[in-house]
Amino acid sequence: MVELSPKQMQVMERLFEAGFRPIAIPPYENALCMRKGDCVAALAPVSNGGLKLLAPPAYLVDGNFSVKLRCASGEAFVWKKKEVQATPERVRELESFRTELQDILESAAKQ
C-alpha cells in the first residue's frame, strides 16, 4: 500500500470530487489506478508531494488497460484477444479523461 503525503491526499480528494474512483488492476497493485467511466490511468507519488502518470491513460477492456491499434475493421482498443471498437464517442471519452486528469495533476503541482 502506498503512503500518501497530505499534498497527495489533497490531489486524491480533487480526483474524487471530479468523479474519479480507485480500481485494482493486476499487475499494477503498487500503482494508484484511477477510473472514470470506461477510462483508467496509473498514477505514482513523486518526491515534490504530487502525483504523476506512469503511462498514458487507457480505455478499459475487460477490466484491463488496453492499447489503441489499427485493425482490419478500423481502430480498436485491444487487450489480449479482446477488442472494443474505437468509436468517436470512446475516443472523445478517453481524451476528456486525459485532459481532466492532467489538469488536476498540473494544478496540484503548481501549488
Protein backbone atom coordinates (compact mmCIF):
# COMPACT_ATOMS: atom_id res chain seq x y z
CA MET A 1 0.00 0.00 0.00
CA VAL A 2 1.31 3.41 -0.99
CA GLU A 3 1.52 6.03 1.77
CA LEU A 4 0.44 9.47 0.61
CA SER A 5 1.57 12.85 1.87
CA PRO A 6 -1.01 15.49 2.84
CA LYS A 7 -0.47 17.20 -0.55
CA GLN A 8 -1.02 13.90 -2.37
CA MET A 9 -4.17 13.31 -0.33
CA GLN A 10 -5.43 16.74 -1.48
CA VAL A 11 -4.87 15.67 -5.10
CA MET A 12 -6.77 12.44 -4.43
CA GLU A 13 -9.64 14.44 -2.91
CA ARG A 14 -9.80 16.59 -6.07
CA LEU A 15 -9.87 13.45 -8.19
CA PHE A 16 -12.72 12.01 -6.09
CA GLU A 17 -14.65 15.30 -6.37
CA ALA A 18 -14.24 15.09 -10.17
CA GLY A 19 -15.70 11.57 -10.23
CA PHE A 20 -12.50 9.50 -10.43
CA ARG A 21 -12.50 6.26 -8.42
CA PRO A 22 -9.72 3.85 -7.43
CA ILE A 23 -9.59 0.48 -9.12
CA ALA A 24 -7.30 -2.52 -8.59
CA ILE A 25 -5.81 -3.89 -11.79
CA PRO A 26 -3.23 -6.67 -11.72
CA PRO A 27 -0.25 -6.32 -12.20
CA TYR A 28 -0.47 -2.66 -11.12
CA GLU A 29 -1.05 -3.28 -7.42
CA ASN A 30 1.72 -0.83 -6.46
CA ALA A 31 0.27 1.98 -8.55
CA LEU A 32 -2.74 4.16 -7.83
CA CYS A 33 -5.10 3.19 -10.64
CA MET A 34 -7.91 5.69 -11.09
CA ARG A 35 -11.01 5.08 -13.19
CA LYS A 36 -13.72 7.34 -14.53
CA GLY A 37 -16.29 5.87 -16.86
CA ASP A 38 -14.51 3.34 -19.05
CA CYS A 39 -11.10 5.02 -18.81
CA VAL A 40 -8.22 4.36 -16.45
CA ALA A 41 -4.80 5.73 -15.54
CA ALA A 42 -1.97 4.53 -13.31
CA LEU A 43 -0.52 7.17 -11.00
CA ALA A 44 2.52 7.21 -8.74
CA PRO A 45 3.66 9.57 -5.99
CA VAL A 46 6.52 11.97 -6.78
CA SER A 47 9.04 13.48 -4.40
CA ASN A 48 7.54 17.01 -4.51
CA GLY A 49 4.36 15.65 -2.93
CA GLY A 50 2.32 15.40 -6.11
CA LEU A 51 1.26 12.53 -8.34
CA LYS A 52 2.37 11.68 -11.87
CA LEU A 53 1.13 9.46 -14.67
CA LEU A 54 3.04 6.20 -15.03
CA ALA A 55 1.72 5.66 -18.56
CA PRO A 56 -0.78 7.33 -20.87
CA PRO A 57 -4.43 6.90 -19.84
CA ALA A 58 -6.17 3.96 -21.49
CA TYR A 59 -9.62 2.65 -22.29
CA LEU A 60 -10.74 -0.30 -20.16
CA VAL A 61 -11.30 -3.58 -22.00
CA ASP A 62 -12.47 -6.49 -19.87
CA GLY A 63 -11.31 -4.57 -16.76
CA ASN A 64 -7.75 -4.10 -18.06
CA PHE A 65 -5.59 -1.43 -19.68
CA SER A 66 -5.89 -1.55 -23.46
CA VAL A 67 -3.88 -0.21 -26.36
CA LYS A 68 -5.34 1.51 -29.40
CA LEU A 69 -4.49 -0.35 -32.61
CA ARG A 70 -5.42 -0.21 -36.26
CA CYS A 71 -7.28 -3.35 -37.27
CA ALA A 72 -8.92 -4.57 -40.45
CA SER A 73 -12.21 -3.18 -39.15
CA GLY A 74 -10.69 0.22 -38.27
CA GLU A 75 -9.25 1.30 -34.93
CA ALA A 76 -9.89 -0.65 -31.73
CA PHE A 77 -8.92 -0.68 -28.08
CA VAL A 78 -7.33 -4.09 -27.53
CA TRP A 79 -6.39 -6.18 -24.52
CA LYS A 80 -5.10 -9.66 -25.29
CA LYS A 81 -7.61 -11.10 -27.78
CA LYS A 82 -10.49 -8.86 -26.72
CA GLU A 83 -11.17 -5.66 -28.59
CA VAL A 84 -13.63 -2.80 -28.44
CA GLN A 85 -14.15 -0.59 -31.47
CA ALA A 86 -12.57 2.85 -31.01
CA THR A 87 -15.72 4.79 -31.84
CA PRO A 88 -15.56 8.60 -31.94
CA GLU A 89 -17.50 8.65 -28.65
CA ARG A 90 -14.98 6.36 -26.92
CA VAL A 91 -12.03 8.31 -28.30
CA ARG A 92 -13.62 11.56 -27.03
CA GLU A 93 -14.27 9.96 -23.62
CA LEU A 94 -10.60 8.96 -23.36
CA GLU A 95 -9.39 12.40 -24.46
CA SER A 96 -11.72 14.12 -21.98
CA PHE A 97 -10.47 11.77 -19.22
CA ARG A 98 -6.84 12.53 -20.14
CA THR A 99 -7.40 16.29 -20.21
CA GLU A 100 -9.31 16.41 -16.91
CA LEU A 101 -6.78 14.20 -15.14
CA GLN A 102 -3.83 16.19 -16.47
CA ASP A 103 -5.47 19.49 -15.42
CA ILE A 104 -5.93 18.22 -11.85
CA LEU A 105 -2.36 16.86 -11.64
CA GLU A 106 -0.85 20.05 -13.10
CA SER A 107 -2.87 22.39 -10.88
CA ALA A 108 -1.69 20.45 -7.82
CA ALA A 109 1.94 20.65 -8.98
CA LYS A 110 1.71 24.47 -9.22
CA GLN A 111 0.66 24.86 -5.58
